[in-house]
């Protein structure tokens, strides 16, 4: 009987710790049906897959030497940068100025990449695209969950 009571108490303690851990794991952001997700955070979550897909397509267009396709994909990225700048990061929220700076750097490197592609200089455009990838990686390392 004593072992059963200990098991029950331990189970209840572990369950409450697990629930608390889940609640604290994401900081102050609350996702779920009871509390609406911050609109900017929701937009940020929707943006990231688009950035990933458009970046992959941009890289593919550069590999193929297709300036028109590169511009289409670059335009998709650039159309979302303003919203990215308005978003707030998952972590290091107090460093939002750096977050916006990285978004601006992303914008500039995408523009430089597509400008090089438009001139037919795909070798340099590919090099410029590496800076796009580095900017994304730097932002994710600093601000993403």
Protein backbone atom coordinates (compact mmCIF):
# COMPACT_ATOMS: atom_id res chain seq x y z
CA UNK A 1 0.00 0.00 0.00
CA UNK A 2 2.82 2.36 0.89
CA UNK A 3 4.50 1.73 -2.49
CA UNK A 4 1.21 2.48 -4.26
CA UNK A 5 0.86 5.79 -2.46
CA UNK A 6 4.45 6.76 -3.28
CA UNK A 7 3.89 5.88 -6.94
CA UNK A 8 0.69 7.93 -7.07
CA UNK A 9 2.33 10.93 -5.41
CA UNK A 10 5.35 10.72 -7.72
CA UNK A 11 3.09 10.41 -10.73
CA UNK A 12 1.11 13.49 -9.71
CA UNK A 13 4.29 15.45 -9.05
CA UNK A 14 5.80 14.46 -12.41
CA UNK A 15 2.58 15.35 -14.20
CA UNK A 16 2.40 18.79 -12.62
CA UNK A 17 6.09 19.42 -13.38
CA UNK A 18 5.54 18.37 -16.98
CA UNK A 19 2.58 20.71 -17.36
CA UNK A 20 4.52 23.55 -15.73
CA UNK A 21 7.52 22.82 -17.93
CA UNK A 22 5.39 23.08 -21.05
CA UNK A 23 3.92 26.35 -19.82
CA UNK A 24 7.33 27.86 -19.10
CA UNK A 25 9.15 26.44 -22.13
CA UNK A 26 7.87 29.04 -24.57
CA UNK A 27 8.26 32.08 -22.33
CA UNK A 28 5.39 34.53 -22.34
CA UNK A 29 4.05 33.54 -25.74
CA UNK A 30 0.94 31.43 -25.41
CA UNK A 31 -0.22 29.34 -28.30
CA UNK A 32 -3.47 27.53 -28.06
CA UNK A 33 -7.20 27.91 -28.37
CA UNK A 34 -7.76 29.78 -25.09
CA UNK A 35 -5.29 32.60 -25.68
CA UNK A 36 -5.02 34.15 -29.15
CA UNK A 37 -1.59 34.07 -30.73
CA UNK A 38 0.00 37.48 -31.20
CA UNK A 39 -0.87 38.52 -34.77
CA UNK A 40 2.72 39.46 -35.61
CA UNK A 41 4.05 36.16 -34.28
CA UNK A 42 1.45 34.30 -36.32
CA UNK A 43 2.51 36.22 -39.43
CA UNK A 44 6.17 35.42 -38.67
CA UNK A 45 5.32 31.71 -38.41
CA UNK A 46 3.58 31.89 -41.79
CA UNK A 47 6.49 33.79 -43.38
CA UNK A 48 9.28 31.38 -42.57
CA UNK A 49 8.22 28.50 -44.84
CA UNK A 50 7.75 31.00 -47.70
CA UNK A 51 11.26 32.38 -47.14
CA UNK A 52 12.65 28.86 -47.17
CA UNK A 53 10.88 27.84 -50.37
CA UNK A 54 11.58 31.11 -52.20
CA UNK A 55 15.26 30.96 -51.17
CA UNK A 56 15.59 27.41 -52.48
CA UNK A 57 13.90 28.42 -55.75
CA UNK A 58 16.11 31.50 -56.00
CA UNK A 59 19.21 29.36 -55.58
CA UNK A 60 17.91 26.93 -58.20
CA UNK A 61 17.24 29.78 -60.64
CA UNK A 62 20.80 31.04 -60.15
CA UNK A 63 22.17 27.56 -60.81
CA UNK A 64 20.16 27.37 -64.03
CA UNK A 65 21.16 30.88 -65.09
CA UNK A 66 17.53 32.02 -65.16
CA UNK A 67 17.44 35.71 -64.22
CA UNK A 68 13.67 36.02 -64.68
CA UNK A 69 12.95 33.16 -62.28
CA UNK A 70 15.50 34.58 -59.83
CA UNK A 71 13.68 37.91 -59.88
CA UNK A 72 10.31 36.26 -59.25
CA UNK A 73 11.65 34.46 -56.17
CA UNK A 74 13.55 37.52 -54.93
CA UNK A 75 10.36 39.57 -55.25
CA UNK A 76 8.51 37.05 -53.07
CA UNK A 77 11.14 37.46 -50.36
CA UNK A 78 11.30 41.24 -50.66
CA UNK A 79 7.51 41.55 -50.47
CA UNK A 80 7.59 40.02 -46.98
CA UNK A 81 10.62 41.85 -45.56
CA UNK A 82 8.58 44.83 -44.31
CA UNK A 83 6.39 42.46 -42.28
CA UNK A 84 9.51 40.68 -41.08
CA UNK A 85 10.86 44.00 -39.81
CA UNK A 86 7.58 44.61 -37.97
CA UNK A 87 7.63 41.17 -36.35
CA UNK A 88 9.13 40.32 -33.01
CA UNK A 89 11.58 37.48 -32.58
CA UNK A 90 10.95 34.37 -30.51
CA UNK A 91 13.87 35.05 -28.20
CA UNK A 92 16.18 37.95 -27.34
CA UNK A 93 13.20 40.27 -27.76
CA UNK A 94 15.11 43.15 -26.15
CA UNK A 95 17.55 43.00 -29.09
CA UNK A 96 14.82 43.77 -31.59
CA UNK A 97 16.97 46.51 -33.17
CA UNK A 98 19.49 43.79 -34.18
CA UNK A 99 16.58 41.68 -35.49
CA UNK A 100 15.43 44.54 -37.71
CA UNK A 101 19.04 45.10 -38.78
CA UNK A 102 19.31 41.49 -39.92
CA UNK A 103 16.01 41.81 -41.81
CA UNK A 104 17.41 44.91 -43.53
CA UNK A 105 20.61 43.01 -44.33
CA UNK A 106 18.49 40.20 -45.80
CA UNK A 107 16.69 42.73 -47.98
CA UNK A 108 19.94 44.27 -49.21
CA UNK A 109 21.61 40.95 -49.97
CA UNK A 110 18.57 39.68 -51.89
CA UNK A 111 18.52 42.89 -53.93
CA UNK A 112 22.26 42.59 -54.65
CA UNK A 113 21.81 38.94 -55.66
CA UNK A 114 19.00 39.61 -58.12
CA UNK A 115 20.74 42.70 -59.53
CA UNK A 116 23.78 40.57 -60.35
CA UNK A 117 21.56 37.90 -61.91
CA UNK A 118 19.84 40.52 -64.08
CA UNK A 119 23.23 41.51 -65.53
CA UNK A 120 23.96 37.87 -66.32
CA UNK A 121 26.74 37.63 -63.75
CA UNK A 122 25.56 34.37 -62.20
CA UNK A 123 28.91 33.53 -60.65
CA UNK A 124 28.82 36.71 -58.54
CA UNK A 125 25.07 36.28 -57.94
CA UNK A 126 25.72 32.85 -56.42
CA UNK A 127 28.37 34.38 -54.17
CA UNK A 128 25.93 37.11 -53.14
CA UNK A 129 23.30 34.47 -52.46
CA UNK A 130 25.64 32.83 -49.93
CA UNK A 131 25.36 36.09 -47.95
CA UNK A 132 21.57 35.73 -48.04
CA UNK A 133 21.89 32.26 -46.51
CA UNK A 134 24.40 33.52 -43.91
CA UNK A 135 22.03 36.33 -42.91
CA UNK A 136 19.17 33.87 -42.46
CA UNK A 137 21.37 31.56 -40.39
CA UNK A 138 22.60 34.43 -38.20
CA UNK A 139 19.06 35.57 -37.50
CA UNK A 140 17.85 32.06 -36.70
CA UNK A 141 20.81 31.45 -34.38
CA UNK A 142 20.12 34.65 -32.44
CA UNK A 143 16.34 34.96 -32.45
CA UNK A 144 14.62 31.67 -33.15
CA UNK A 145 13.36 29.10 -30.64
